[in-house]
Amino acid sequence: MSPAPDLDVAIVGAGFAGLGLAARLTMQGGRRFRVFEAADDLGGTWRDNHYPGAACDVPSHLYSFSFAPHHGWTRSYAPQGEILAYLHHVADTFGLRRHIRFGCRAVAADFEAERDGWRLTLADGEVVRARVLVGATGGLSRPMIPPLPGLDDFAGATFHTARWDHGVRLDGARVGVVGTGASAIQVVPAIAPRVAQLHLFQRTPPWILPREDRALGRRRAALFRRVPLLRAAERARIYLGLEWRVVPFVFTPEVMKYPARDALRFLADSVPDADLRARLTPRYTLGCKRVLLSDDYYPALNRPNVELVTEPIERFDATGVRTTDGAHRPLDVLVLATGFHAAEQGAPFPVRGLEGRDLDATWGRHAQAYKGTTVAGFPNLFLLTGPNTGLGHSSMVYMMESQYPYVLAALDHLDAPDVRWLDVRPEAQAAYNRRLQRRMKRTVWSSGCDAWYSTADGLNTTLWPGFTFEFRRALRRFDRAAYATGPG
């Protein structure tokens, strides 16, 4: 008989995914669990990304837990501060703070077969043992700093959008922004009116569609509070409106030419200068890279103090940046809007499973899991928003909520006296991923662009190639037959 572990469940990460599972465990009751958070506060992505203009690109009423609805969103697309406040509200509503240990960074996790569970080592040397380990560290948690020549030589202030330094004065400054992805199209309009000069360095122009963001009145919030059925109907309307968009992404990529026409018309209406418009015109299939939503990005680029730079960066020096055409642009501040390690991010700390096998070494450059949740050779390990659970059209909160019942059902199976652990069979994982990648080949994400969804050799390890309700259906029950339960 192995010694009893300290916990039934150890959750690493107090962002959206980890908090949601903690809330579900609280609702269910009867489980000893703890959430280990490296930072001093909860919130994950929405705690870290507090750059000017930060907001969600999924409508507010769908970007929340179905079991913890929020009535008071002020805009159709919630700003960062409101989402973070919502997560604090969830923590308070379900009494989660007593279960969270802040400032506790996990540095290693080892499966102990003789104890039928995991040994989690924290940065201060403390060891915690749990029957089940849940990774909820998020796919967009580690900023990607590109190897820009001479970057360390630049004497001005430099920071990534996910590490925004609000102590740096932007008013009247000469600012460079590297990157034109999801964070850049929010940052640029927010800071352009404040700076003396903004140089935006673009490698590839994104496809952009109107956001059509609007204020939501107090009357609407009060009505949703009094009539929950109306709130549920609005959530369903938004869900269905977004869900149909996956059809051209996954099943009929050739019809992407129609929304592309709308995007080009939007560009033409927004940018009168023909040369600037040409440099902002994408040359790849709409949807292959992340489609961005903005009402104010193009107008910001029309400003006289904003320059779009499409010549490649040659190198930085102490005072600014030189591009390959020989031009030198002096800078006071450099903002890296360069995204995150996603497709090839690996584990956030060493994770060792059966016989000491390392998760990063097992994955190599191609992370994969069974149903995006479990990995062969790593018993009792569950990944929230794991490989191939990302979306290009809807709310990741829906995907998280699809995983929670699967994890909770697995916990129930672990209560059985004949189950020592649950380790997905390699053949089940391999068959699942073969089917997934076969389907991926037909999608718009395989149409030839260089997107952060894929590894350097082109394998998409990030996105789910289907309807979100298909993912939920795949996880609606725990399929014990797909798992080994440990030696007798």
Protein backbone atom coordinates (compact mmCIF):
# COMPACT_ATOMS: atom_id res chain seq x y z
CA MET A 1 0.00 0.00 0.00
CA SER A 2 1.59 3.28 -1.14
CA PRO A 3 1.52 6.29 1.23
CA ALA A 4 -1.40 8.67 0.77
CA PRO A 5 -0.49 11.71 -1.32
CA ASP A 6 -0.78 15.25 0.01
CA LEU A 7 -3.43 16.09 -2.60
CA ASP A 8 -5.83 14.41 -4.95
CA VAL A 9 -5.19 17.06 -7.60
CA ALA A 10 -2.37 19.55 -8.12
CA ILE A 11 -3.20 22.24 -10.69
CA VAL A 12 -0.31 24.30 -12.07
CA GLY A 13 -1.54 27.70 -13.22
CA ALA A 14 -4.24 30.09 -11.99
CA GLY A 15 -5.34 31.47 -15.33
CA PHE A 16 -8.70 30.92 -17.02
CA ALA A 17 -8.25 27.15 -17.43
CA GLY A 18 -6.93 26.41 -13.95
CA LEU A 19 -9.50 28.58 -12.20
CA GLY A 20 -12.34 26.95 -14.12
CA LEU A 21 -11.27 23.45 -13.12
CA ALA A 22 -10.79 24.59 -9.52
CA ALA A 23 -14.32 26.00 -9.55
CA ARG A 24 -15.70 22.71 -10.90
CA LEU A 25 -13.82 20.75 -8.23
CA THR A 26 -15.30 23.06 -5.59
CA MET A 27 -18.79 22.55 -7.01
CA GLN A 28 -18.31 18.78 -7.00
CA GLY A 29 -16.72 18.68 -3.54
CA GLY A 30 -14.82 15.86 -1.87
CA ARG A 31 -11.45 16.40 -3.53
CA ARG A 32 -8.27 17.73 -1.93
CA PHE A 33 -6.76 20.07 -4.48
CA ARG A 34 -4.40 23.00 -4.69
CA VAL A 35 -3.56 25.50 -7.43
CA PHE A 36 0.10 26.48 -7.71
CA GLU A 37 0.68 29.87 -9.31
CA ALA A 38 4.14 31.31 -9.99
CA ALA A 39 2.92 34.92 -9.99
CA ASP A 40 1.58 36.89 -7.05
CA ASP A 41 -1.91 37.14 -8.52
CA LEU A 42 -4.33 35.11 -10.59
CA GLY A 43 -5.41 35.74 -14.16
CA GLY A 44 -2.76 34.22 -16.43
CA THR A 45 -2.91 35.80 -19.89
CA TRP A 46 -5.27 38.51 -18.68
CA ARG A 47 -3.00 39.39 -15.78
CA ASP A 48 0.15 39.57 -17.93
CA ASN A 49 -1.20 41.28 -21.05
CA HIS A 50 -2.09 44.72 -19.72
CA TYR A 51 -0.67 46.70 -22.61
CA PRO A 52 -2.62 49.76 -23.84
CA GLY A 53 -5.66 48.68 -25.83
CA ALA A 54 -5.59 45.05 -24.66
CA ALA A 55 -8.97 43.38 -25.19
CA CYS A 56 -10.53 40.10 -26.24
CA ASP A 57 -11.43 39.25 -29.83
CA VAL A 58 -14.25 36.90 -28.77
CA PRO A 59 -17.60 38.49 -27.83
CA SER A 60 -17.86 39.05 -24.10
CA HIS A 61 -20.88 36.90 -23.35
CA LEU A 62 -19.18 33.82 -24.81
CA TYR A 63 -15.81 34.52 -23.25
CA SER A 64 -16.92 33.48 -19.77
CA PHE A 65 -17.81 30.27 -17.97
CA SER A 66 -21.30 28.92 -18.60
CA PHE A 67 -21.53 28.10 -14.88
CA ALA A 68 -20.45 31.62 -13.87
CA PRO A 69 -22.21 34.06 -16.21
CA HIS A 70 -21.41 37.75 -16.08
CA HIS A 71 -24.04 40.40 -16.70
CA GLY A 72 -22.08 43.61 -16.59
CA TRP A 73 -19.81 43.63 -19.63
CA THR A 74 -19.53 47.24 -20.80
CA ARG A 75 -18.55 46.41 -24.39
CA SER A 76 -19.33 43.69 -26.90
CA TYR A 77 -15.59 42.81 -26.79
CA ALA A 78 -14.37 43.03 -23.22
CA PRO A 79 -11.21 45.00 -22.40
CA GLN A 80 -8.43 43.33 -20.41
CA GLY A 81 -9.32 44.97 -17.10
CA GLU A 82 -12.89 43.69 -17.19
CA ILE A 83 -11.83 40.13 -17.98
CA LEU A 84 -9.31 40.16 -15.15
CA ALA A 85 -11.98 41.54 -12.81
CA TYR A 86 -14.30 38.73 -13.95
CA LEU A 87 -11.68 36.10 -13.06
CA HIS A 88 -11.28 37.66 -9.60
CA HIS A 89 -15.07 37.51 -9.28
CA VAL A 90 -15.03 33.81 -10.16
CA ALA A 91 -12.32 33.18 -7.58
CA ASP A 92 -14.31 34.99 -4.91
CA THR A 93 -17.66 33.43 -5.85
CA PHE A 94 -16.30 29.88 -5.55
CA GLY A 95 -13.94 30.56 -2.66
CA LEU A 96 -10.89 29.62 -4.69
CA ARG A 97 -8.30 31.86 -3.05
CA ARG A 98 -7.87 29.50 -0.12
CA HIS A 99 -6.90 26.80 -2.61
CA ILE A 100 -4.32 28.91 -4.49
CA ARG A 101 -0.71 29.23 -3.47
CA PHE A 102 0.68 32.36 -5.07
CA GLY A 103 4.38 32.89 -5.66
CA CYS A 104 4.87 29.12 -5.95
CA ARG A 105 6.71 28.31 -9.15
CA ALA A 106 6.81 24.68 -10.14
CA VAL A 107 10.28 23.65 -11.35
CA ALA A 108 9.86 19.90 -11.88
CA ALA A 109 7.25 17.16 -11.91
CA ASP A 110 8.08 13.46 -11.64
CA PHE A 111 5.72 10.51 -11.78
CA GLU A 112 6.40 8.07 -8.94
CA ALA A 113 5.12 4.68 -10.02
CA GLU A 114 5.65 3.21 -6.56
CA ARG A 115 3.35 5.89 -5.12
CA ASP A 116 0.86 5.95 -8.03
CA GLY A 117 1.15 9.71 -8.33
CA TRP A 118 3.19 12.82 -9.00
CA ARG A 119 5.94 14.57 -7.09
CA LEU A 120 5.81 18.30 -7.77
CA THR A 121 8.91 20.27 -6.83
CA LEU A 122 8.58 24.01 -6.17
CA ALA A 123 11.23 26.69 -6.61
CA ASP A 124 11.88 26.92 -2.86
CA GLY A 125 12.65 23.19 -2.70
CA GLU A 126 9.31 22.13 -1.24
CA VAL A 127 7.95 18.84 -2.56
CA VAL A 128 4.21 18.23 -2.94
CA ARG A 129 2.74 14.86 -3.83
CA ALA A 130 -0.56 14.49 -5.70
CA ARG A 131 -2.42 11.60 -7.28
CA VAL A 132 -3.19 13.73 -10.34
CA LEU A 133 -1.24 16.57 -11.97
CA VAL A 134 -3.06 19.10 -14.15
CA GLY A 135 -1.09 21.41 -16.42
CA ALA A 136 -2.95 24.70 -16.86
CA THR A 137 -0.06 26.94 -17.82
CA GLY A 138 -1.59 28.10 -21.09
CA GLY A 139 -0.38 28.07 -24.67
CA LEU A 140 0.35 31.80 -24.75
CA SER A 141 2.29 32.23 -21.55
CA ARG A 142 5.91 32.52 -22.70
CA PRO A 143 6.77 35.57 -24.81
CA MET A 144 8.77 34.97 -27.97
CA ILE A 145 11.75 37.30 -28.28
CA PRO A 146 13.09 37.06 -31.85
CA PRO A 147 16.87 36.95 -32.44
CA LEU A 148 17.09 40.48 -33.80
CA PRO A 149 20.72 41.46 -34.52
CA GLY A 150 22.05 44.01 -32.04
CA LEU A 151 18.92 44.00 -29.88
CA ASP A 152 21.01 43.98 -26.70
CA ASP A 153 22.91 47.02 -27.94
CA PHE A 154 19.83 49.25 -27.97
CA ALA A 155 20.11 51.75 -25.10
CA GLY A 156 16.45 52.73 -24.93
CA ALA A 157 13.62 50.99 -23.10
CA THR A 158 12.70 47.57 -24.54
CA PHE A 159 9.83 45.32 -23.53
CA HIS A 160 7.44 42.70 -24.91
CA THR A 161 3.72 43.50 -25.00
CA ALA A 162 3.16 40.77 -22.39
CA ARG A 163 5.65 42.48 -20.08
CA TRP A 164 4.50 46.05 -20.64
CA ASP A 165 6.41 48.63 -18.60
CA HIS A 166 3.94 51.37 -17.68
CA GLY A 167 6.77 53.31 -16.05
CA VAL A 168 8.26 54.13 -19.46
CA ARG A 169 7.07 57.51 -20.73
CA LEU A 170 5.57 57.31 -24.24
CA ASP A 171 4.29 60.87 -24.57
CA GLY A 172 6.46 62.60 -27.11
CA ALA A 173 8.72 59.57 -27.54
CA ARG A 174 10.01 57.93 -30.72
CA VAL A 175 8.63 54.40 -30.55
CA GLY A 176 9.32 51.31 -32.63
CA VAL A 177 6.86 48.41 -32.67
CA VAL A 178 8.05 45.10 -34.10
CA GLY A 179 5.26 42.85 -35.32
CA THR A 180 1.78 43.25 -36.78
CA GLY A 181 -0.16 40.49 -35.03
CA ALA A 182 -3.03 40.48 -32.57
CA SER A 183 -1.33 42.57 -29.88
CA ALA A 184 0.16 45.10 -32.30
CA ILE A 185 -3.18 45.98 -33.88
CA GLN A 186 -4.44 46.87 -30.41
CA VAL A 187 -1.30 48.64 -29.16
CA VAL A 188 -0.69 50.83 -32.20
CA PRO A 189 -4.06 52.65 -32.17
CA ALA A 190 -3.85 53.06 -28.39
CA ILE A 191 -0.42 54.71 -28.29
CA ALA A 192 -0.21 56.46 -31.69
CA PRO A 193 -1.92 59.67 -30.47
CA ARG A 194 0.56 59.94 -27.59
CA VAL A 195 3.91 59.41 -29.27
CA ALA A 196 5.96 61.81 -31.37
CA GLN A 197 6.72 59.15 -33.98
CA LEU A 198 5.76 55.49 -34.28
CA HIS A 199 7.63 53.16 -36.64
CA LEU A 200 5.76 49.89 -37.17
CA PHE A 201 7.98 47.11 -38.53
CA GLN A 202 5.96 44.64 -40.58
CA ARG A 203 7.13 41.35 -42.01
CA THR A 204 3.77 40.02 -43.23
CA PRO A 205 0.53 42.03 -43.39
CA PRO A 206 -2.40 40.43 -41.55
CA TRP A 207 -5.92 39.96 -42.84
CA ILE A 208 -8.16 42.33 -40.90
CA LEU A 209 -11.95 42.48 -40.68
CA PRO A 210 -14.08 45.08 -38.88
CA ARG A 211 -14.48 44.46 -35.17
CA GLU A 212 -17.71 46.41 -34.85
CA ASP A 213 -17.18 46.83 -31.13
CA ARG A 214 -19.84 48.80 -29.29
CA ALA A 215 -20.83 49.82 -25.80
CA LEU A 216 -23.36 47.66 -23.95
CA GLY A 217 -25.79 49.70 -21.92
CA ARG A 218 -26.72 49.24 -18.27
CA ARG A 219 -30.31 48.50 -19.27
CA ARG A 220 -29.15 45.43 -21.19
CA ALA A 221 -27.09 44.21 -18.22
CA ALA A 222 -30.05 44.68 -15.87
CA LEU A 223 -32.34 42.79 -18.24
CA PHE A 224 -29.90 39.86 -18.47
CA ARG A 225 -29.64 39.83 -14.68
CA ARG A 226 -33.42 39.66 -14.26
CA VAL A 227 -34.09 37.23 -17.12
CA PRO A 228 -31.36 34.56 -17.25
CA LEU A 229 -33.06 32.91 -20.22
CA LEU A 230 -32.35 36.00 -22.33
CA ARG A 231 -28.70 35.91 -21.32
CA ALA A 232 -28.50 32.22 -22.25
CA ALA A 233 -30.18 32.94 -25.57
CA GLU A 234 -27.66 35.69 -26.32
CA ARG A 235 -24.78 33.35 -25.51
CA ALA A 236 -26.26 30.70 -27.80
CA ARG A 237 -26.75 33.25 -30.57
CA ILE A 238 -23.12 34.32 -30.38
CA TYR A 239 -21.91 30.71 -30.26
CA LEU A 240 -23.88 29.67 -33.32
CA GLY A 241 -22.89 32.83 -35.18
CA LEU A 242 -19.21 32.05 -34.65
CA GLU A 243 -19.47 28.30 -35.15
CA TRP A 244 -20.54 28.43 -38.78
CA ARG A 245 -17.29 30.27 -39.55
CA VAL A 246 -15.32 27.06 -39.13
CA VAL A 247 -16.87 25.66 -42.33
CA PRO A 248 -14.60 27.56 -44.75
CA PHE A 249 -11.61 27.16 -42.42
CA VAL A 250 -11.87 23.38 -42.28
CA PHE A 251 -14.16 22.04 -44.97
CA THR A 252 -14.19 24.48 -47.91
CA PRO A 253 -11.07 26.69 -47.84
CA GLU A 254 -11.70 27.71 -51.43
CA VAL A 255 -14.60 29.92 -50.35
CA MET A 256 -12.25 32.07 -48.28
CA LYS A 257 -12.05 34.28 -51.36
CA TYR A 258 -15.43 35.75 -50.42
CA PRO A 259 -14.55 37.06 -46.93
CA ALA A 260 -11.19 38.07 -48.43
CA ARG A 261 -13.07 40.39 -50.79
CA ASP A 262 -14.82 41.94 -47.80
CA ALA A 263 -11.47 42.40 -46.05
CA LEU A 264 -9.92 44.05 -49.11
CA ARG A 265 -12.94 46.34 -49.44
CA PHE A 266 -12.54 47.26 -45.76
CA LEU A 267 -8.85 48.01 -46.41
CA ALA A 268 -9.67 50.13 -49.46
CA ASP A 269 -12.29 52.10 -47.56
CA SER A 270 -9.93 52.66 -44.62
CA VAL A 271 -6.62 53.48 -46.31
CA PRO A 272 -6.76 56.06 -49.12
CA ASP A 273 -3.02 56.03 -49.91
CA ALA A 274 -2.43 53.49 -52.69
CA ASP A 275 1.18 52.70 -51.74
CA LEU A 276 0.34 52.12 -48.08
CA ARG A 277 -2.67 50.05 -49.10
CA ALA A 278 -0.51 47.85 -51.32
CA ARG A 279 1.92 47.19 -48.47
CA LEU A 280 -0.99 46.28 -46.20
CA THR A 281 -2.46 43.79 -48.67
CA PRO A 282 -1.88 40.14 -47.66
CA ARG A 283 -0.60 37.69 -50.30
CA TYR A 284 -1.74 34.48 -48.64
CA THR A 285 -5.13 32.82 -48.18
CA LEU A 286 -7.33 34.52 -45.59
CA GLY A 287 -7.46 32.34 -42.49
CA CYS A 288 -4.09 30.65 -42.93
CA LYS A 289 -2.75 33.02 -40.29
CA ARG A 290 -4.90 34.38 -37.49
CA VAL A 291 -7.65 36.65 -38.82
CA LEU A 292 -7.62 39.89 -36.84
CA LEU A 293 -10.49 42.18 -35.90
CA SER A 294 -10.06 45.93 -35.56
CA ASP A 295 -11.97 49.13 -36.20
CA ASP A 296 -9.08 51.51 -35.50
CA TYR A 297 -5.84 49.88 -36.73
CA TYR A 298 -6.04 51.11 -40.32
CA PRO A 299 -7.02 54.66 -39.28
CA ALA A 300 -4.00 54.71 -36.95
CA LEU A 301 -1.70 53.92 -39.87
CA ASN A 302 -3.07 56.96 -41.73
CA ARG A 303 -1.73 59.28 -39.05
CA PRO A 304 1.18 61.54 -40.10
CA ASN A 305 3.27 60.41 -37.11
CA VAL A 306 2.96 56.69 -37.94
CA GLU A 307 5.21 54.95 -40.47
CA LEU A 308 4.75 51.41 -41.74
CA VAL A 309 8.21 49.94 -42.36
CA THR A 310 8.32 46.89 -44.62
CA GLU A 311 12.07 46.78 -45.28
CA PRO A 312 13.67 44.02 -43.17
CA ILE A 313 15.54 44.97 -40.00
CA GLU A 314 19.30 44.76 -40.49
CA ARG A 315 20.35 45.45 -36.91
CA PHE A 316 19.81 47.58 -33.84
CA ASP A 317 22.39 49.89 -32.34
CA ALA A 318 22.42 52.06 -29.22
CA THR A 319 20.22 54.77 -30.71
CA GLY A 320 17.81 52.95 -32.97
CA VAL A 321 17.43 50.52 -35.84
CA ARG A 322 18.84 50.21 -39.35
CA THR A 323 16.90 48.49 -42.12
CA THR A 324 18.34 46.72 -45.14
CA ASP A 325 17.74 49.75 -47.39
CA GLY A 326 20.32 51.65 -45.31
CA ALA A 327 17.84 53.91 -43.48
CA HIS A 328 18.43 54.50 -39.77
CA ARG A 329 15.50 55.36 -37.49
CA PRO A 330 16.29 56.77 -34.05
CA LEU A 331 14.17 55.29 -31.22
CA ASP A 332 13.57 55.99 -27.56
CA VAL A 333 11.37 52.94 -26.89
CA LEU A 334 11.14 49.54 -28.56
CA VAL A 335 7.99 47.41 -28.19
CA LEU A 336 8.18 43.74 -29.20
CA ALA A 337 4.74 42.65 -30.36
CA THR A 338 6.21 39.33 -31.43
CA GLY A 339 3.80 36.82 -29.93
CA PHE A 340 4.49 33.68 -27.94
CA HIS A 341 6.09 30.28 -28.14
CA ALA A 342 3.07 28.17 -29.09
CA ALA A 343 3.51 25.35 -31.60
CA GLU A 344 6.96 24.43 -30.27
CA GLN A 345 6.67 25.71 -26.72
CA GLY A 346 7.12 22.35 -24.95
CA ALA A 347 6.60 21.88 -21.23
CA PRO A 348 7.02 24.95 -18.99
CA PHE A 349 9.28 22.93 -16.66
CA PRO A 350 10.77 19.40 -16.72
CA VAL A 351 8.00 16.79 -16.61
CA ARG A 352 9.12 13.17 -16.28
CA GLY A 353 6.74 10.24 -16.62
CA LEU A 354 7.13 6.48 -16.47
CA GLU A 355 10.73 5.29 -16.36
CA GLY A 356 11.88 8.91 -16.18
CA ARG A 357 10.94 9.79 -19.77
CA ASP A 358 10.97 13.54 -20.36
CA LEU A 359 7.90 15.17 -21.88
CA ASP A 360 9.87 17.58 -24.08
CA ALA A 361 12.10 14.77 -25.33
CA THR A 362 9.06 12.56 -25.96
CA TRP A 363 7.39 15.28 -28.00
CA GLY A 364 10.48 16.52 -29.80
CA ARG A 365 9.21 19.26 -32.13
CA HIS A 366 5.74 17.76 -32.47
CA ALA A 367 3.65 18.04 -29.33
CA GLN A 368 0.68 15.71 -29.34
CA ALA A 369 -1.84 14.35 -26.90
CA TYR A 370 -4.90 12.15 -26.81
CA LYS A 371 -7.93 14.39 -27.23
CA GLY A 372 -5.65 17.30 -26.40
CA THR A 373 -5.66 16.18 -22.78
CA THR A 374 -3.50 13.14 -21.93
CA VAL A 375 -0.09 11.89 -23.10
CA ALA A 376 1.06 8.27 -23.33
CA GLY A 377 3.74 7.43 -20.78
CA PHE A 378 2.63 10.18 -18.39
CA PRO A 379 -0.06 8.62 -16.17
CA ASN A 380 -2.50 10.80 -14.27
CA LEU A 381 -1.32 13.90 -16.16
CA PHE A 382 -4.02 16.08 -17.72
CA LEU A 383 -3.31 19.07 -19.94
CA LEU A 384 -5.86 21.86 -20.18
CA THR A 385 -5.83 23.51 -23.62
CA GLY A 386 -3.19 21.00 -24.68
CA PRO A 387 -1.95 20.28 -28.22
CA ASN A 388 -4.49 20.85 -31.01
CA THR A 389 -7.17 22.40 -28.83
CA GLY A 390 -6.69 25.98 -30.04
CA LEU A 391 -9.29 27.78 -32.14
CA GLY A 392 -9.34 30.18 -35.03
CA HIS A 393 -13.02 31.05 -34.83
CA SER A 394 -14.58 30.75 -31.37
CA SER A 395 -14.05 30.85 -27.61
CA MET A 396 -11.31 28.89 -25.87
CA VAL A 397 -13.45 28.93 -22.73
CA TYR A 398 -15.81 26.52 -24.51
CA MET A 399 -12.88 24.16 -25.13
CA MET A 400 -11.80 24.37 -21.49
CA GLU A 401 -15.31 23.55 -20.34
CA SER A 402 -15.30 20.56 -22.68
CA GLN A 403 -12.21 19.18 -20.94
CA TYR A 404 -13.39 19.62 -17.34
CA PRO A 405 -15.95 16.76 -17.31
CA TYR A 406 -13.37 14.44 -18.89
CA VAL A 407 -10.87 15.19 -16.12
CA LEU A 408 -13.52 14.90 -13.40
CA ALA A 409 -14.69 11.55 -14.79
CA ALA A 410 -11.09 10.32 -14.83
CA LEU A 411 -10.82 11.20 -11.14
CA ASP A 412 -13.87 9.05 -10.46
CA HIS A 413 -12.27 6.15 -12.32
CA LEU A 414 -9.12 6.53 -10.22
CA ASP A 415 -11.26 5.89 -7.15
CA ALA A 416 -11.80 2.29 -8.29
CA PRO A 417 -9.74 -0.22 -6.26
CA ASP A 418 -8.39 -1.90 -9.40
CA VAL A 419 -7.02 1.31 -10.92
CA ARG A 420 -3.54 2.41 -9.90
CA TRP A 421 -3.21 5.03 -12.57
CA LEU A 422 -4.57 6.03 -15.97
CA ASP A 423 -2.09 6.09 -18.84
CA VAL A 424 -3.46 6.54 -22.34
CA ARG A 425 -2.36 3.70 -24.61
CA PRO A 426 0.21 4.76 -27.24
CA GLU A 427 -1.82 3.17 -30.02
CA ALA A 428 -4.92 5.14 -29.02
CA GLN A 429 -2.98 8.40 -28.99
CA ALA A 430 -1.29 7.65 -32.31
CA ALA A 431 -4.59 6.73 -34.04
CA TYR A 432 -6.27 9.89 -32.71
CA ASN A 433 -3.48 12.14 -34.00
CA ARG A 434 -3.34 10.41 -37.38
CA ARG A 435 -7.02 11.17 -37.85
CA LEU A 436 -6.54 14.73 -36.65
CA GLN A 437 -3.61 15.48 -38.97
CA ARG A 438 -5.36 13.88 -41.96
CA ARG A 439 -8.20 16.29 -41.39
CA MET A 440 -5.77 19.17 -40.90
CA LYS A 441 -4.35 18.71 -44.41
CA ARG A 442 -7.64 19.83 -45.94
CA THR A 443 -7.89 23.03 -43.89
CA VAL A 444 -6.99 26.61 -44.76
CA TRP A 445 -4.17 26.40 -42.20
CA SER A 446 -2.37 24.03 -44.56
CA SER A 447 -2.57 26.39 -47.52
CA GLY A 448 1.09 27.41 -47.40
CA CYS A 449 1.66 30.37 -45.10
CA ASP A 450 4.16 30.60 -42.25
CA ALA A 451 1.88 30.80 -39.19
CA TRP A 452 2.62 30.48 -35.49
CA TYR A 453 0.10 27.63 -35.44
CA SER A 454 2.68 25.28 -36.98
CA THR A 455 6.14 23.99 -36.17
CA ALA A 456 9.14 24.94 -38.29
CA ASP A 457 8.62 21.86 -40.44
CA GLY A 458 4.95 22.65 -41.00
CA LEU A 459 3.00 20.44 -38.58
CA ASN A 460 0.03 22.21 -37.01
CA THR A 461 0.18 21.22 -33.33
CA THR A 462 -1.98 24.11 -32.12
CA LEU A 463 -5.45 24.17 -33.67
CA TRP A 464 -8.52 21.96 -33.51
CA PRO A 465 -9.61 21.14 -37.11
CA GLY A 466 -13.36 21.01 -36.64
CA PHE A 467 -16.47 22.26 -34.94
CA THR A 468 -16.11 22.94 -31.23
CA PHE A 469 -19.12 20.75 -30.50
CA GLU A 470 -17.23 17.84 -32.10
CA PHE A 471 -14.46 18.32 -29.54
CA ARG A 472 -17.01 18.42 -26.74
CA ARG A 473 -18.67 15.27 -28.04
CA ALA A 474 -15.27 13.51 -28.17
CA LEU A 475 -14.76 14.26 -24.47
CA ARG A 476 -18.33 13.73 -23.29
CA ARG A 477 -17.37 10.53 -21.51
CA PHE A 478 -14.15 9.09 -20.17
CA ASP A 479 -13.17 6.16 -22.39
CA ARG A 480 -11.39 3.93 -19.89
CA ALA A 481 -10.69 1.31 -22.56
CA ALA A 482 -8.20 3.70 -24.15
CA TYR A 483 -6.12 3.67 -20.95
CA ALA A 484 -3.82 1.30 -19.14
CA THR A 485 -4.57 1.26 -15.43
CA GLY A 486 -1.16 0.29 -14.03
CA PRO A 487 0.32 -3.11 -13.20
CA GLY A 488 -1.60 -5.33 -10.84
